[in-house]
Amino acid sequence: MAERLRVLRDFQPTMSADRARQAVGAAGNAARAAYADAVSAYAALERDELREAARAVMAVTSGRG
């Protein structure tokens, strides 16, 4: 999502995208499948839809959703 929204250019990430992918890979097949599903789902979204999806994820992860 961050790559699609290009926030990586605006903020200093705490972990590189490559390192994040490695961490997902180390979590096992289930995590890889979930990651691939998420990438696929977000890739199909238009920019406005992607922003809304990011807001929804942030609301859920912050306890507001």
C-alpha atoms as a PDB file:
ATOM      1  CA  MET A   1       0.000   0.000   0.000  1.00  0.00           C
ATOM      2  CA  ALA A   2       2.793   2.408   0.916  1.00  0.00           C
ATOM      3  CA  GLU A   3       4.530   1.745  -2.368  1.00  0.00           C
ATOM      4  CA  ARG A   4       1.334   2.391  -4.348  1.00  0.00           C
ATOM      5  CA  LEU A   5       0.620   5.602  -2.403  1.00  0.00           C
ATOM      6  CA  ARG A   6       4.271   6.620  -2.714  1.00  0.00           C
ATOM      7  CA  VAL A   7       4.573   7.546   0.947  1.00  0.00           C
ATOM      8  CA  LEU A   8       8.042   6.036   0.917  1.00  0.00           C
ATOM      9  CA  ARG A   9       9.210   9.213  -0.784  1.00  0.00           C
ATOM     10  CA  ASP A  10       7.690  11.394   1.926  1.00  0.00           C
ATOM     11  CA  PHE A  11       8.645   9.504   5.075  1.00  0.00           C
ATOM     12  CA  GLN A  12      11.707   7.665   6.284  1.00  0.00           C
ATOM     13  CA  PRO A  13      10.505   4.090   6.737  1.00  0.00           C
ATOM     14  CA  THR A  14      11.676   2.172   9.775  1.00  0.00           C
ATOM     15  CA  MET A  15      12.296  -0.844   7.576  1.00  0.00           C
ATOM     16  CA  SER A  16      13.195  -1.015   3.898  1.00  0.00           C
ATOM     17  CA  ALA A  17      10.664  -2.528   1.519  1.00  0.00           C
ATOM     18  CA  ASP A  18      13.096  -5.359   0.731  1.00  0.00           C
ATOM     19  CA  ARG A  19      13.607  -6.102   4.413  1.00  0.00           C
ATOM     20  CA  ALA A  20       9.849  -6.061   5.023  1.00  0.00           C
ATOM     21  CA  ARG A  21       9.386  -8.569   2.197  1.00  0.00           C
ATOM     22  CA  GLN A  22      12.070 -10.778   3.752  1.00  0.00           C
ATOM     23  CA  ALA A  23      10.259 -10.646   7.104  1.00  0.00           C
ATOM     24  CA  VAL A  24       7.014 -11.685   5.429  1.00  0.00           C
ATOM     25  CA  GLY A  25       8.858 -14.520   3.688  1.00  0.00           C
ATOM     26  CA  ALA A  26      10.316 -15.717   6.983  1.00  0.00           C
ATOM     27  CA  ALA A  27       6.828 -15.942   8.503  1.00  0.00           C
ATOM     28  CA  GLY A  28       5.953 -18.948   6.368  1.00  0.00           C
ATOM     29  CA  ASN A  29       3.619 -19.925   3.577  1.00  0.00           C
ATOM     30  CA  ALA A  30       0.447 -18.569   5.181  1.00  0.00           C
ATOM     31  CA  ALA A  31       1.946 -15.107   5.506  1.00  0.00           C
ATOM     32  CA  ARG A  32       3.239 -15.213   1.940  1.00  0.00           C
ATOM     33  CA  ALA A  33      -0.186 -16.178   0.647  1.00  0.00           C
ATOM     34  CA  ALA A  34      -1.885 -13.413   2.648  1.00  0.00           C
ATOM     35  CA  TYR A  35       0.727 -10.901   1.470  1.00  0.00           C
ATOM     36  CA  ALA A  36       0.240 -11.937  -2.157  1.00  0.00           C
ATOM     37  CA  ASP A  37      -3.541 -11.641  -1.775  1.00  0.00           C
ATOM     38  CA  ALA A  38      -3.195  -8.146  -0.292  1.00  0.00           C
ATOM     39  CA  VAL A  39      -0.801  -7.018  -3.012  1.00  0.00           C
ATOM     40  CA  SER A  40      -3.185  -8.327  -5.639  1.00  0.00           C
ATOM     41  CA  ALA A  41      -6.210  -6.662  -4.054  1.00  0.00           C
ATOM     42  CA  TYR A  42      -4.514  -3.294  -3.611  1.00  0.00           C
ATOM     43  CA  ALA A  43      -3.005  -3.377  -7.117  1.00  0.00           C
ATOM     44  CA  ALA A  44      -6.496  -3.402  -8.610  1.00  0.00           C
ATOM     45  CA  LEU A  45      -7.601  -0.247  -6.757  1.00  0.00           C
ATOM     46  CA  GLU A  46      -7.661   3.242  -8.223  1.00  0.00           C
ATOM     47  CA  ARG A  47      -5.783   5.928  -6.277  1.00  0.00           C
ATOM     48  CA  ASP A  48      -8.879   7.212  -4.404  1.00  0.00           C
ATOM     49  CA  GLU A  49      -9.941   3.665  -3.544  1.00  0.00           C
ATOM     50  CA  LEU A  50      -6.425   2.911  -2.355  1.00  0.00           C
ATOM     51  CA  ARG A  51      -6.472   5.943  -0.038  1.00  0.00           C
ATOM     52  CA  GLU A  52      -9.786   4.784   1.424  1.00  0.00           C
ATOM     53  CA  ALA A  53      -8.389   1.279   1.943  1.00  0.00           C
ATOM     54  CA  ALA A  54      -5.363   2.765   3.719  1.00  0.00           C
ATOM     55  CA  ARG A  55      -7.656   4.798   5.986  1.00  0.00           C
ATOM     56  CA  ALA A  56      -9.637   1.666   6.823  1.00  0.00           C
ATOM     57  CA  VAL A  57      -6.481  -0.293   7.661  1.00  0.00           C
ATOM     58  CA  MET A  58      -5.212   2.525   9.850  1.00  0.00           C
ATOM     59  CA  ALA A  59      -8.554   2.736  11.676  1.00  0.00           C
ATOM     60  CA  VAL A  60      -8.527  -0.989  12.391  1.00  0.00           C
ATOM     61  CA  THR A  61      -4.894  -1.084  13.493  1.00  0.00           C
ATOM     62  CA  SER A  62      -5.309   1.957  15.737  1.00  0.00           C
ATOM     63  CA  GLY A  63      -8.355   0.449  17.469  1.00  0.00           C
ATOM     64  CA  ARG A  64     -10.862   2.830  15.872  1.00  0.00           C
ATOM     65  CA  GLY A  65     -12.345   0.408  13.379  1.00  0.00           C
END
